[in-house]
Amino acid sequence: MTTDNGQRTSEVSKSILQEKSYAFALKVVRVCRTLQETKKEFVLTKQLLRSGTAIGALVEEGRQAESKQDFIHKLSISNKEANETQYWIRLLIDSDILDVSIGRELLENSNELIRILTASLKTSKINR
């Protein structure tokens, strides 16, 4: 299936996933930097930084996958990282380190990534 501009639908989905995961990683980097500077919190923010930026890195790796199975594997790990990221966000909110409104925004963004990843994985497994 193609879009109006001739791109395949799967390419559009990947592009959206790439853009959103990269934008999310940037938000995570900025939030972690702020928390390190203002709250002097380094342990939990390091965990959030690692998992939050890994999502997009794994999406990028998936683009260069050697096989459909390799692609599915990279996206599956990305999905796991997104879920782990939510754990660190919730922990930072509940320990009064991260502002609730910022945390909610990050959780909403990560939920969106999880939905996109889940849909991409489902489609890829069907088309395997």
Protein backbone atom coordinates (compact mmCIF):
# COMPACT_ATOMS: atom_id res chain seq x y z
CA MET A 1 0.00 0.00 0.00
CA THR A 2 1.27 3.51 -0.78
CA THR A 3 0.50 7.01 0.45
CA ASP A 4 -0.41 10.00 -1.72
CA ASN A 5 3.25 10.88 -2.21
CA GLY A 6 4.16 7.33 -3.31
CA GLN A 7 5.83 6.14 -0.09
CA ARG A 8 5.06 2.67 1.13
CA THR A 9 2.95 2.67 4.31
CA SER A 10 5.59 0.68 6.22
CA GLU A 11 8.20 3.33 5.34
CA VAL A 12 5.91 6.07 6.66
CA SER A 13 5.42 4.15 9.92
CA LYS A 14 9.14 3.68 10.34
CA SER A 15 9.71 7.35 9.68
CA ILE A 16 7.14 8.34 12.30
CA LEU A 17 8.67 5.89 14.77
CA GLN A 18 12.15 7.24 14.08
CA GLU A 19 11.04 10.84 14.50
CA LYS A 20 9.05 10.22 17.68
CA SER A 21 11.71 8.04 19.32
CA TYR A 22 14.40 10.63 18.53
CA ALA A 23 12.26 13.49 19.88
CA PHE A 24 11.56 11.43 23.00
CA ALA A 25 15.29 10.78 23.48
CA LEU A 26 15.96 14.51 23.28
CA LYS A 27 13.32 15.19 25.95
CA VAL A 28 14.83 12.52 28.18
CA VAL A 29 18.33 13.99 27.75
CA ARG A 30 17.08 17.46 28.67
CA VAL A 31 15.07 16.25 31.68
CA CYS A 32 17.99 14.19 32.98
CA ARG A 33 20.40 17.08 32.56
CA THR A 34 18.03 19.37 34.48
CA LEU A 35 17.54 16.84 37.28
CA GLN A 36 21.28 16.33 37.58
CA GLU A 37 21.90 20.08 37.74
CA THR A 38 19.00 21.08 39.99
CA LYS A 39 18.35 18.01 42.15
CA LYS A 40 21.85 16.53 42.04
CA GLU A 41 20.22 13.19 41.23
CA PHE A 42 22.55 10.96 39.25
CA VAL A 43 21.69 7.29 39.84
CA LEU A 44 18.05 7.21 38.72
CA THR A 45 18.59 9.78 35.97
CA LYS A 46 21.41 7.67 34.54
CA GLN A 47 19.00 4.73 34.32
CA LEU A 48 16.33 6.89 32.67
CA LEU A 49 18.87 8.34 30.26
CA ARG A 50 20.14 4.90 29.26
CA SER A 51 16.74 3.31 28.67
CA GLY A 52 15.06 6.41 27.24
CA THR A 53 17.71 6.92 24.57
CA ALA A 54 18.02 3.22 23.79
CA ILE A 55 14.50 3.16 22.33
CA GLY A 56 15.43 5.27 19.32
CA ALA A 57 18.88 3.73 18.97
CA LEU A 58 17.30 0.29 18.62
CA VAL A 59 14.78 1.62 16.10
CA GLU A 60 17.72 2.92 14.05
CA GLU A 61 19.48 -0.44 14.36
CA GLY A 62 16.31 -2.12 13.17
CA ARG A 63 16.42 -0.10 9.96
CA GLN A 64 19.69 -1.86 9.14
CA ALA A 65 18.48 -5.29 10.18
CA GLU A 66 19.98 -8.26 8.38
CA SER A 67 16.64 -10.06 8.24
CA LYS A 68 12.99 -9.68 9.14
CA GLN A 69 13.69 -11.68 12.32
CA ASP A 70 16.55 -9.34 13.23
CA PHE A 71 14.22 -6.35 12.66
CA ILE A 72 11.59 -7.91 14.93
CA HIS A 73 14.24 -8.60 17.56
CA LYS A 74 15.50 -4.98 17.56
CA LEU A 75 11.97 -3.58 17.83
CA SER A 76 11.13 -6.05 20.60
CA ILE A 77 14.10 -4.86 22.63
CA SER A 78 13.13 -1.25 21.90
CA ASN A 79 9.66 -2.01 23.26
CA LYS A 80 11.19 -3.48 26.43
CA GLU A 81 13.35 -0.36 26.85
CA ALA A 82 10.25 1.82 26.49
CA ASN A 83 8.53 -0.13 29.26
CA GLU A 84 11.62 0.08 31.46
CA THR A 85 11.75 3.83 30.82
CA GLN A 86 8.22 4.14 32.17
CA TYR A 87 9.35 2.42 35.37
CA TRP A 88 12.13 4.97 35.92
CA ILE A 89 9.79 7.88 35.16
CA ARG A 90 7.21 6.63 37.66
CA LEU A 91 9.91 6.08 40.27
CA LEU A 92 11.26 9.61 39.79
CA ILE A 93 7.74 11.07 40.07
CA ASP A 94 6.79 9.03 43.12
CA SER A 95 10.04 9.88 44.90
CA ASP A 96 9.33 13.61 44.37
CA ILE A 97 12.39 14.10 42.18
CA LEU A 98 10.57 14.69 38.88
CA ASP A 99 7.79 17.24 38.50
CA VAL A 100 4.47 15.43 37.98
CA SER A 101 3.50 17.39 34.86
CA ILE A 102 6.84 16.70 33.17
CA GLY A 103 6.61 13.06 34.20
CA ARG A 104 3.09 12.72 32.82
CA GLU A 105 4.20 14.17 29.49
CA LEU A 106 7.09 11.70 29.32
CA LEU A 107 4.74 8.85 30.21
CA GLU A 108 2.29 9.91 27.49
CA ASN A 109 5.11 10.09 24.94
CA SER A 110 6.45 6.69 25.95
CA ASN A 111 2.94 5.20 25.80
CA GLU A 112 2.64 6.48 22.24
CA LEU A 113 5.99 4.88 21.35
CA ILE A 114 4.88 1.59 22.90
CA ARG A 115 1.66 1.66 20.85
CA ILE A 116 3.60 2.31 17.63
CA LEU A 117 6.20 -0.33 18.44
CA THR A 118 3.52 -2.88 19.30
CA ALA A 119 1.67 -2.21 16.04
CA SER A 120 4.90 -2.40 14.02
CA LEU A 121 5.85 -5.66 15.70
CA LYS A 122 2.44 -7.14 15.10
CA THR A 123 2.52 -6.20 11.41
CA SER A 124 6.08 -7.46 11.00
CA LYS A 125 5.26 -10.81 12.60
CA ILE A 126 2.22 -11.23 10.35
CA ASN A 127 4.30 -10.39 7.24
CA ARG A 128 7.22 -12.59 8.28
